[in-house]
C-alpha atoms as a PDB file:
ATOM      1  CA  MET A   1     103.930  22.234 142.401  1.00  0.00           C
ATOM      2  CA  GLU A   2     102.482  22.249 145.792  1.00  0.00           C
ATOM      3  CA  ALA A   3     104.297  25.479 146.662  1.00  0.00           C
ATOM      4  CA  LEU A   4     102.076  26.980 143.872  1.00  0.00           C
ATOM      5  CA  ALA A   5      98.617  25.633 145.255  1.00  0.00           C
ATOM      6  CA  THR A   6      97.986  28.839 147.404  1.00  0.00           C
ATOM      7  CA  PRO A   7      98.977  31.263 144.658  1.00  0.00           C
ATOM      8  CA  ALA A   8      97.042  29.438 142.332  1.00  0.00           C
ATOM      9  CA  PHE A   9      94.040  29.480 144.731  1.00  0.00           C
ATOM     10  CA  ILE A  10      94.121  33.054 145.208  1.00  0.00           C
ATOM     11  CA  LEU A  11      94.300  33.657 141.357  1.00  0.00           C
ATOM     12  CA  ILE A  12      91.196  31.530 141.030  1.00  0.00           C
ATOM     13  CA  VAL A  13      89.432  33.855 143.286  1.00  0.00           C
ATOM     14  CA  ILE A  14      90.780  37.083 141.825  1.00  0.00           C
ATOM     15  CA  THR A  15      89.853  36.075 138.287  1.00  0.00           C
ATOM     16  CA  SER A  16      86.237  34.699 139.546  1.00  0.00           C
ATOM     17  CA  MET A  17      85.536  37.947 141.158  1.00  0.00           C
ATOM     18  CA  THR A  18      86.506  39.798 137.937  1.00  0.00           C
ATOM     19  CA  ILE A  19      84.553  37.692 135.565  1.00  0.00           C
ATOM     20  CA  LEU A  20      81.529  38.199 137.882  1.00  0.00           C
ATOM     21  CA  THR A  21      82.043  41.955 138.520  1.00  0.00           C
ATOM     22  CA  PHE A  22      83.051  43.250 135.161  1.00  0.00           C
ATOM     23  CA  ARG A  23      81.314  43.195 131.648  1.00  0.00           C
ATOM     24  CA  ASP A  24      84.261  44.574 129.541  1.00  0.00           C
ATOM     25  CA  TRP A  25      85.243  41.193 127.255  1.00  0.00           C
ATOM     26  CA  ARG A  26      88.764  42.419 127.094  1.00  0.00           C
ATOM     27  CA  ILE A  27      89.299  42.065 130.920  1.00  0.00           C
ATOM     28  CA  ASN A  28      86.848  39.014 131.127  1.00  0.00           C
ATOM     29  CA  ALA A  29      89.117  37.189 128.420  1.00  0.00           C
ATOM     30  CA  LEU A  30      92.406  37.842 130.333  1.00  0.00           C
ATOM     31  CA  ALA A  31      90.761  36.785 133.581  1.00  0.00           C
ATOM     32  CA  LEU A  32      89.635  33.524 131.771  1.00  0.00           C
ATOM     33  CA  ALA A  33      93.196  32.763 130.452  1.00  0.00           C
ATOM     34  CA  LEU A  34      94.488  33.223 133.906  1.00  0.00           C
ATOM     35  CA  GLN A  35      91.750  31.190 135.378  1.00  0.00           C
ATOM     36  CA  TYR A  36      92.691  28.434 133.260  1.00  0.00           C
ATOM     37  CA  LEU A  37      96.358  28.679 134.257  1.00  0.00           C
ATOM     38  CA  ALA A  38      95.408  28.690 137.830  1.00  0.00           C
ATOM     39  CA  ALA A  39      92.974  25.667 137.550  1.00  0.00           C
ATOM     40  CA  PHE A  40      96.045  23.889 135.789  1.00  0.00           C
ATOM     41  CA  LEU A  41      98.322  24.271 138.640  1.00  0.00           C
ATOM     42  CA  MET A  42      95.281  23.028 140.836  1.00  0.00           C
ATOM     43  CA  VAL A  43      95.114  19.804 138.711  1.00  0.00           C
ATOM     44  CA  THR A  44      98.784  19.222 138.620  1.00  0.00           C
ATOM     45  CA  LEU A  45      98.568  18.333 142.207  1.00  0.00           C
ATOM     46  CA  SER A  46      96.396  15.193 141.486  1.00  0.00           C
ATOM     47  CA  TRP A  47      97.541  14.243 138.092  1.00  0.00           C
ATOM     48  CA  PRO A  48     100.600  14.212 136.125  1.00  0.00           C
ATOM     49  CA  ILE A  49     101.768  17.340 134.251  1.00  0.00           C
ATOM     50  CA  GLY A  50     101.254  15.507 130.804  1.00  0.00           C
ATOM     51  CA  MET A  51      97.679  14.990 131.597  1.00  0.00           C
ATOM     52  CA  ALA A  52      96.839  18.242 133.303  1.00  0.00           C
ATOM     53  CA  VAL A  53      98.472  20.326 130.238  1.00  0.00           C
ATOM     54  CA  THR A  54      95.551  19.128 128.239  1.00  0.00           C
ATOM     55  CA  LYS A  55      93.238  21.103 130.203  1.00  0.00           C
ATOM     56  CA  LEU A  56      95.338  24.230 130.064  1.00  0.00           C
ATOM     57  CA  MET A  57      95.752  23.840 126.108  1.00  0.00           C
ATOM     58  CA  VAL A  58      92.005  23.274 125.557  1.00  0.00           C
ATOM     59  CA  GLY A  59      91.036  26.168 128.024  1.00  0.00           C
ATOM     60  CA  TRP A  60      93.486  28.543 126.047  1.00  0.00           C
ATOM     61  CA  MET A  61      91.895  27.359 122.920  1.00  0.00           C
ATOM     62  CA  ALA A  62      88.528  28.158 123.923  1.00  0.00           C
ATOM     63  CA  ALA A  63      89.409  31.286 125.486  1.00  0.00           C
ATOM     64  CA  ALA A  64      91.205  32.495 122.423  1.00  0.00           C
ATOM     65  CA  SER A  65      88.629  31.400 120.141  1.00  0.00           C
ATOM     66  CA  LEU A  66      85.631  33.625 121.873  1.00  0.00           C
ATOM     67  CA  ALA A  67      88.256  36.554 122.217  1.00  0.00           C
ATOM     68  CA  LEU A  68      89.232  36.490 118.661  1.00  0.00           C
ATOM     69  CA  THR A  69      85.795  36.239 117.180  1.00  0.00           C
ATOM     70  CA  LEU A  70      84.861  39.576 119.261  1.00  0.00           C
ATOM     71  CA  LEU A  71      88.052  41.235 117.941  1.00  0.00           C
ATOM     72  CA  ARG A  72      87.227  40.133 114.660  1.00  0.00           C
ATOM     73  CA  GLN A  73      83.836  41.718 114.957  1.00  0.00           C
ATOM     74  CA  ASP A  74      85.445  45.059 116.213  1.00  0.00           C
ATOM     75  CA  GLN A  75      83.325  44.862 119.349  1.00  0.00           C
ATOM     76  CA  PRO A  76      83.674  47.893 121.170  1.00  0.00           C
ATOM     77  CA  HIS A  77      84.034  48.500 124.904  1.00  0.00           C
ATOM     78  CA  ASN A  78      80.897  48.149 126.985  1.00  0.00           C
ATOM     79  CA  PRO A  79      79.630  51.573 127.981  1.00  0.00           C
ATOM     80  CA  ALA A  80      80.090  52.440 131.786  1.00  0.00           C
ATOM     81  CA  GLU A  81      78.023  50.729 134.187  1.00  0.00           C
ATOM     82  CA  ASN A  82      76.157  52.092 137.145  1.00  0.00           C
ATOM     83  CA  THR A  83      78.493  51.943 140.268  1.00  0.00           C
ATOM     84  CA  ALA A  84      75.600  50.520 141.977  1.00  0.00           C
ATOM     85  CA  SER A  85      75.583  47.298 139.510  1.00  0.00           C
ATOM     86  CA  LEU A  86      79.422  46.736 140.090  1.00  0.00           C
ATOM     87  CA  LEU A  87      79.103  46.992 143.805  1.00  0.00           C
ATOM     88  CA  PHE A  88      76.053  44.807 143.856  1.00  0.00           C
ATOM     89  CA  ARG A  89      78.008  41.835 142.140  1.00  0.00           C
ATOM     90  CA  GLY A  90      81.042  42.550 143.813  1.00  0.00           C
ATOM     91  CA  VAL A  91      79.393  42.190 147.236  1.00  0.00           C
ATOM     92  CA  ALA A  92      77.617  39.096 146.034  1.00  0.00           C
ATOM     93  CA  GLY A  93      80.695  37.599 145.059  1.00  0.00           C
ATOM     94  CA  LEU A  94      82.409  38.189 148.427  1.00  0.00           C
ATOM     95  CA  VAL A  95      79.326  36.560 150.157  1.00  0.00           C
ATOM     96  CA  ALA A  96      79.452  33.427 147.988  1.00  0.00           C
ATOM     97  CA  ILE A  97      83.278  33.235 148.635  1.00  0.00           C
ATOM     98  CA  ILE A  98      82.749  33.541 152.507  1.00  0.00           C
ATOM     99  CA  VAL A  99      79.927  30.916 152.211  1.00  0.00           C
ATOM    100  CA  ILE A 100      82.303  28.546 150.341  1.00  0.00           C
ATOM    101  CA  PHE A 101      84.850  28.876 152.937  1.00  0.00           C
ATOM    102  CA  VAL A 102      82.278  28.330 155.962  1.00  0.00           C
ATOM    103  CA  VAL A 103      80.866  25.103 154.216  1.00  0.00           C
ATOM    104  CA  SER A 104      83.961  23.608 152.483  1.00  0.00           C
ATOM    105  CA  PRO A 105      85.576  21.906 155.550  1.00  0.00           C
ATOM    106  CA  ARG A 106      82.251  20.250 156.405  1.00  0.00           C
ATOM    107  CA  LEU A 107      81.821  19.212 152.892  1.00  0.00           C
ATOM    108  CA  GLN A 108      85.438  17.770 152.874  1.00  0.00           C
ATOM    109  CA  ALA A 109      84.934  15.758 156.109  1.00  0.00           C
ATOM    110  CA  ARG A 110      81.595  14.396 154.913  1.00  0.00           C
ATOM    111  CA  VAL A 111      81.600  14.147 151.387  1.00  0.00           C
ATOM    112  CA  PHE A 112      85.427  14.447 150.043  1.00  0.00           C
ATOM    113  CA  PRO A 113      87.489  13.185 152.680  1.00  0.00           C
ATOM    114  CA  GLY A 114      90.108  12.369 150.104  1.00  0.00           C
ATOM    115  CA  VAL A 115      90.302  15.615 148.595  1.00  0.00           C
ATOM    116  CA  ASP A 116      92.673  18.482 149.601  1.00  0.00           C
ATOM    117  CA  LEU A 117      90.768  21.392 151.535  1.00  0.00           C
ATOM    118  CA  LEU A 118      92.494  23.833 149.019  1.00  0.00           C
ATOM    119  CA  ILE A 119      91.437  21.966 145.845  1.00  0.00           C
ATOM    120  CA  LEU A 120      87.850  21.591 147.068  1.00  0.00           C
ATOM    121  CA  GLN A 121      87.714  25.426 147.846  1.00  0.00           C
ATOM    122  CA  SER A 122      89.195  26.060 144.366  1.00  0.00           C
ATOM    123  CA  GLY A 123      86.335  23.943 142.612  1.00  0.00           C
ATOM    124  CA  LEU A 124      83.615  25.150 144.588  1.00  0.00           C
ATOM    125  CA  THR A 125      84.652  28.810 144.215  1.00  0.00           C
ATOM    126  CA  LEU A 126      84.922  28.354 140.391  1.00  0.00           C
ATOM    127  CA  MET A 127      81.532  26.666 140.253  1.00  0.00           C
ATOM    128  CA  GLY A 128      79.570  28.775 142.675  1.00  0.00           C
ATOM    129  CA  MET A 129      80.941  32.221 141.056  1.00  0.00           C
ATOM    130  CA  ALA A 130      79.951  30.715 137.659  1.00  0.00           C
ATOM    131  CA  LEU A 131      76.511  29.957 138.609  1.00  0.00           C
ATOM    132  CA  MET A 132      76.116  33.492 140.122  1.00  0.00           C
ATOM    133  CA  GLN A 133      77.309  34.806 136.936  1.00  0.00           C
ATOM    134  CA  LEU A 134      74.665  32.823 134.749  1.00  0.00           C
ATOM    135  CA  GLY A 135      72.064  34.251 137.178  1.00  0.00           C
ATOM    136  CA  THR A 136      73.101  37.851 136.646  1.00  0.00           C
ATOM    137  CA  ASN A 137      73.482  38.135 132.877  1.00  0.00           C
ATOM    138  CA  ALA A 138      72.241  37.383 129.456  1.00  0.00           C
ATOM    139  CA  ASN A 139      75.207  38.202 127.485  1.00  0.00           C
ATOM    140  CA  PRO A 140      75.857  35.181 125.280  1.00  0.00           C
ATOM    141  CA  TYR A 141      79.828  35.504 125.923  1.00  0.00           C
ATOM    142  CA  LEU A 142      79.492  35.879 129.486  1.00  0.00           C
ATOM    143  CA  THR A 143      77.121  32.949 129.576  1.00  0.00           C
ATOM    144  CA  ILE A 144      79.702  30.679 127.784  1.00  0.00           C
ATOM    145  CA  ILE A 145      82.647  31.771 129.766  1.00  0.00           C
ATOM    146  CA  SER A 146      80.300  31.072 132.999  1.00  0.00           C
ATOM    147  CA  LEU A 147      79.962  27.487 131.802  1.00  0.00           C
ATOM    148  CA  LEU A 148      83.489  27.077 130.915  1.00  0.00           C
ATOM    149  CA  SER A 149      84.279  28.346 134.494  1.00  0.00           C
ATOM    150  CA  LEU A 150      81.819  25.767 135.957  1.00  0.00           C
ATOM    151  CA  ILE A 151      83.248  22.643 133.791  1.00  0.00           C
ATOM    152  CA  SER A 152      86.745  23.899 134.911  1.00  0.00           C
ATOM    153  CA  GLY A 153      85.458  23.915 138.784  1.00  0.00           C
ATOM    154  CA  PHE A 154      84.119  20.389 138.093  1.00  0.00           C
ATOM    155  CA  GLU A 155      87.514  19.099 136.411  1.00  0.00           C
ATOM    156  CA  VAL A 156      89.623  20.475 139.228  1.00  0.00           C
ATOM    157  CA  ILE A 157      87.521  18.456 142.140  1.00  0.00           C
ATOM    158  CA  HIS A 158      87.302  15.545 139.776  1.00  0.00           C
ATOM    159  CA  ALA A 159      90.804  15.291 139.113  1.00  0.00           C
ATOM    160  CA  ALA A 160      91.437  14.635 142.873  1.00  0.00           C
ATOM    161  CA  LEU A 161      88.950  11.917 142.979  1.00  0.00           C
ATOM    162  CA  GLU A 162      89.835   9.915 139.914  1.00  0.00           C
ATOM    163  CA  ARG A 163      92.479   9.530 136.987  1.00  0.00           C
ATOM    164  CA  SER A 164      90.350   9.083 133.942  1.00  0.00           C
ATOM    165  CA  ILE A 165      91.661   9.692 130.338  1.00  0.00           C
ATOM    166  CA  LEU A 166      88.431   9.129 128.873  1.00  0.00           C
ATOM    167  CA  LEU A 167      86.491  11.527 130.725  1.00  0.00           C
ATOM    168  CA  THR A 168      89.458  13.988 130.401  1.00  0.00           C
ATOM    169  CA  GLY A 169      88.875  13.824 126.663  1.00  0.00           C
ATOM    170  CA  LEU A 170      85.046  14.105 126.807  1.00  0.00           C
ATOM    171  CA  LEU A 171      85.245  17.212 128.817  1.00  0.00           C
ATOM    172  CA  ALA A 172      87.847  18.720 126.492  1.00  0.00           C
ATOM    173  CA  ILE A 173      85.394  18.004 123.762  1.00  0.00           C
ATOM    174  CA  VAL A 174      82.623  19.653 125.906  1.00  0.00           C
ATOM    175  CA  ASN A 175      85.001  22.711 126.398  1.00  0.00           C
ATOM    176  CA  LEU A 176      85.745  23.153 122.879  1.00  0.00           C
ATOM    177  CA  GLY A 177      82.064  22.518 121.785  1.00  0.00           C
ATOM    178  CA  LEU A 178      80.915  25.235 124.250  1.00  0.00           C
ATOM    179  CA  ALA A 179      83.327  27.705 122.887  1.00  0.00           C
ATOM    180  CA  LEU A 180      82.148  26.956 119.237  1.00  0.00           C
ATOM    181  CA  VAL A 181      78.375  27.591 120.559  1.00  0.00           C
ATOM    182  CA  GLY A 182      79.737  30.795 121.728  1.00  0.00           C
ATOM    183  CA  VAL A 183      81.428  31.769 118.662  1.00  0.00           C
ATOM    184  CA  TYR A 184      78.329  31.122 116.691  1.00  0.00           C
ATOM    185  CA  PHE A 185      75.884  33.074 118.852  1.00  0.00           C
ATOM    186  CA  ILE A 186      78.362  36.135 119.232  1.00  0.00           C
ATOM    187  CA  SER A 187      78.816  36.141 115.536  1.00  0.00           C
ATOM    188  CA  LYS A 188      75.105  35.881 115.111  1.00  0.00           C
ATOM    189  CA  ARG A 189      74.062  38.555 117.598  1.00  0.00           C
ATOM    190  CA  ILE A 190      76.621  41.230 116.541  1.00  0.00           C
ATOM    191  CA  PRO A 191      75.280  41.689 113.016  1.00  0.00           C
ATOM    192  CA  GLU A 192      71.666  41.883 114.680  1.00  0.00           C
ATOM    193  CA  ASN A 193      72.714  44.543 116.907  1.00  0.00           C
ATOM    194  CA  ALA A 194      74.235  46.636 114.305  1.00  0.00           C
ATOM    195  CA  GLN A 195      70.977  46.138 112.212  1.00  0.00           C
ATOM    196  CA  THR A 196      68.959  47.649 115.083  1.00  0.00           C
ATOM    197  CA  ASP A 197      71.169  50.484 115.455  1.00  0.00           C
ATOM    198  CA  GLN A 198      70.692  51.539 111.962  1.00  0.00           C
ATOM    199  CA  GLU A 199      67.063  51.062 112.150  1.00  0.00           C
ATOM    200  CA  GLU A 200      66.630  53.176 115.125  1.00  0.00           C
ATOM    201  CA  PRO A 201      67.066  56.665 113.546  1.00  0.00           C
ATOM    202  CA  LEU A 202      64.376  55.856 110.883  1.00  0.00           C
ATOM    203  CA  LYS A 203      61.678  55.659 113.728  1.00  0.00           C
END
């Protein structure tokens, strides 16, 4: 599994940048599923596969429930965005990744001496990009997947520090709970948007 650590980290960077930059839910759903696969590979460096696979299954269940809700509602593709917005988010994500690369070696030496640098960088990338995503949108779907990515980054680092079955179970419940909250708000928002679109011509 150690041979897959570098490809997994690269996949984490790519999927985090994709979720931050793009607003199409289909692209983000695929990126989230791949992100959970990469996080699973990073966790297997610290945990047995039997424990690590729990994270993968729970993550895919959460991602699938959100995507199926949008698919069931026949949610259309998002309209084309301004190129400046895409460029801004892309540049902001690159700056965040550079900062993480600069800070992580010092953080490893002073705070997490027992954590592999690649694992630390993976967790910080997930959490940092998720926090940036939370600050740049108000969409319920993007907010929920950002929170899921934030928890995923925490789990990657935590797995290297401690092997706790109880905390693993609690985090699995939190992930599924966030997915259910996301399903509720997505289902609630879409009919409201449809009703607004129907009322606009009457004004």
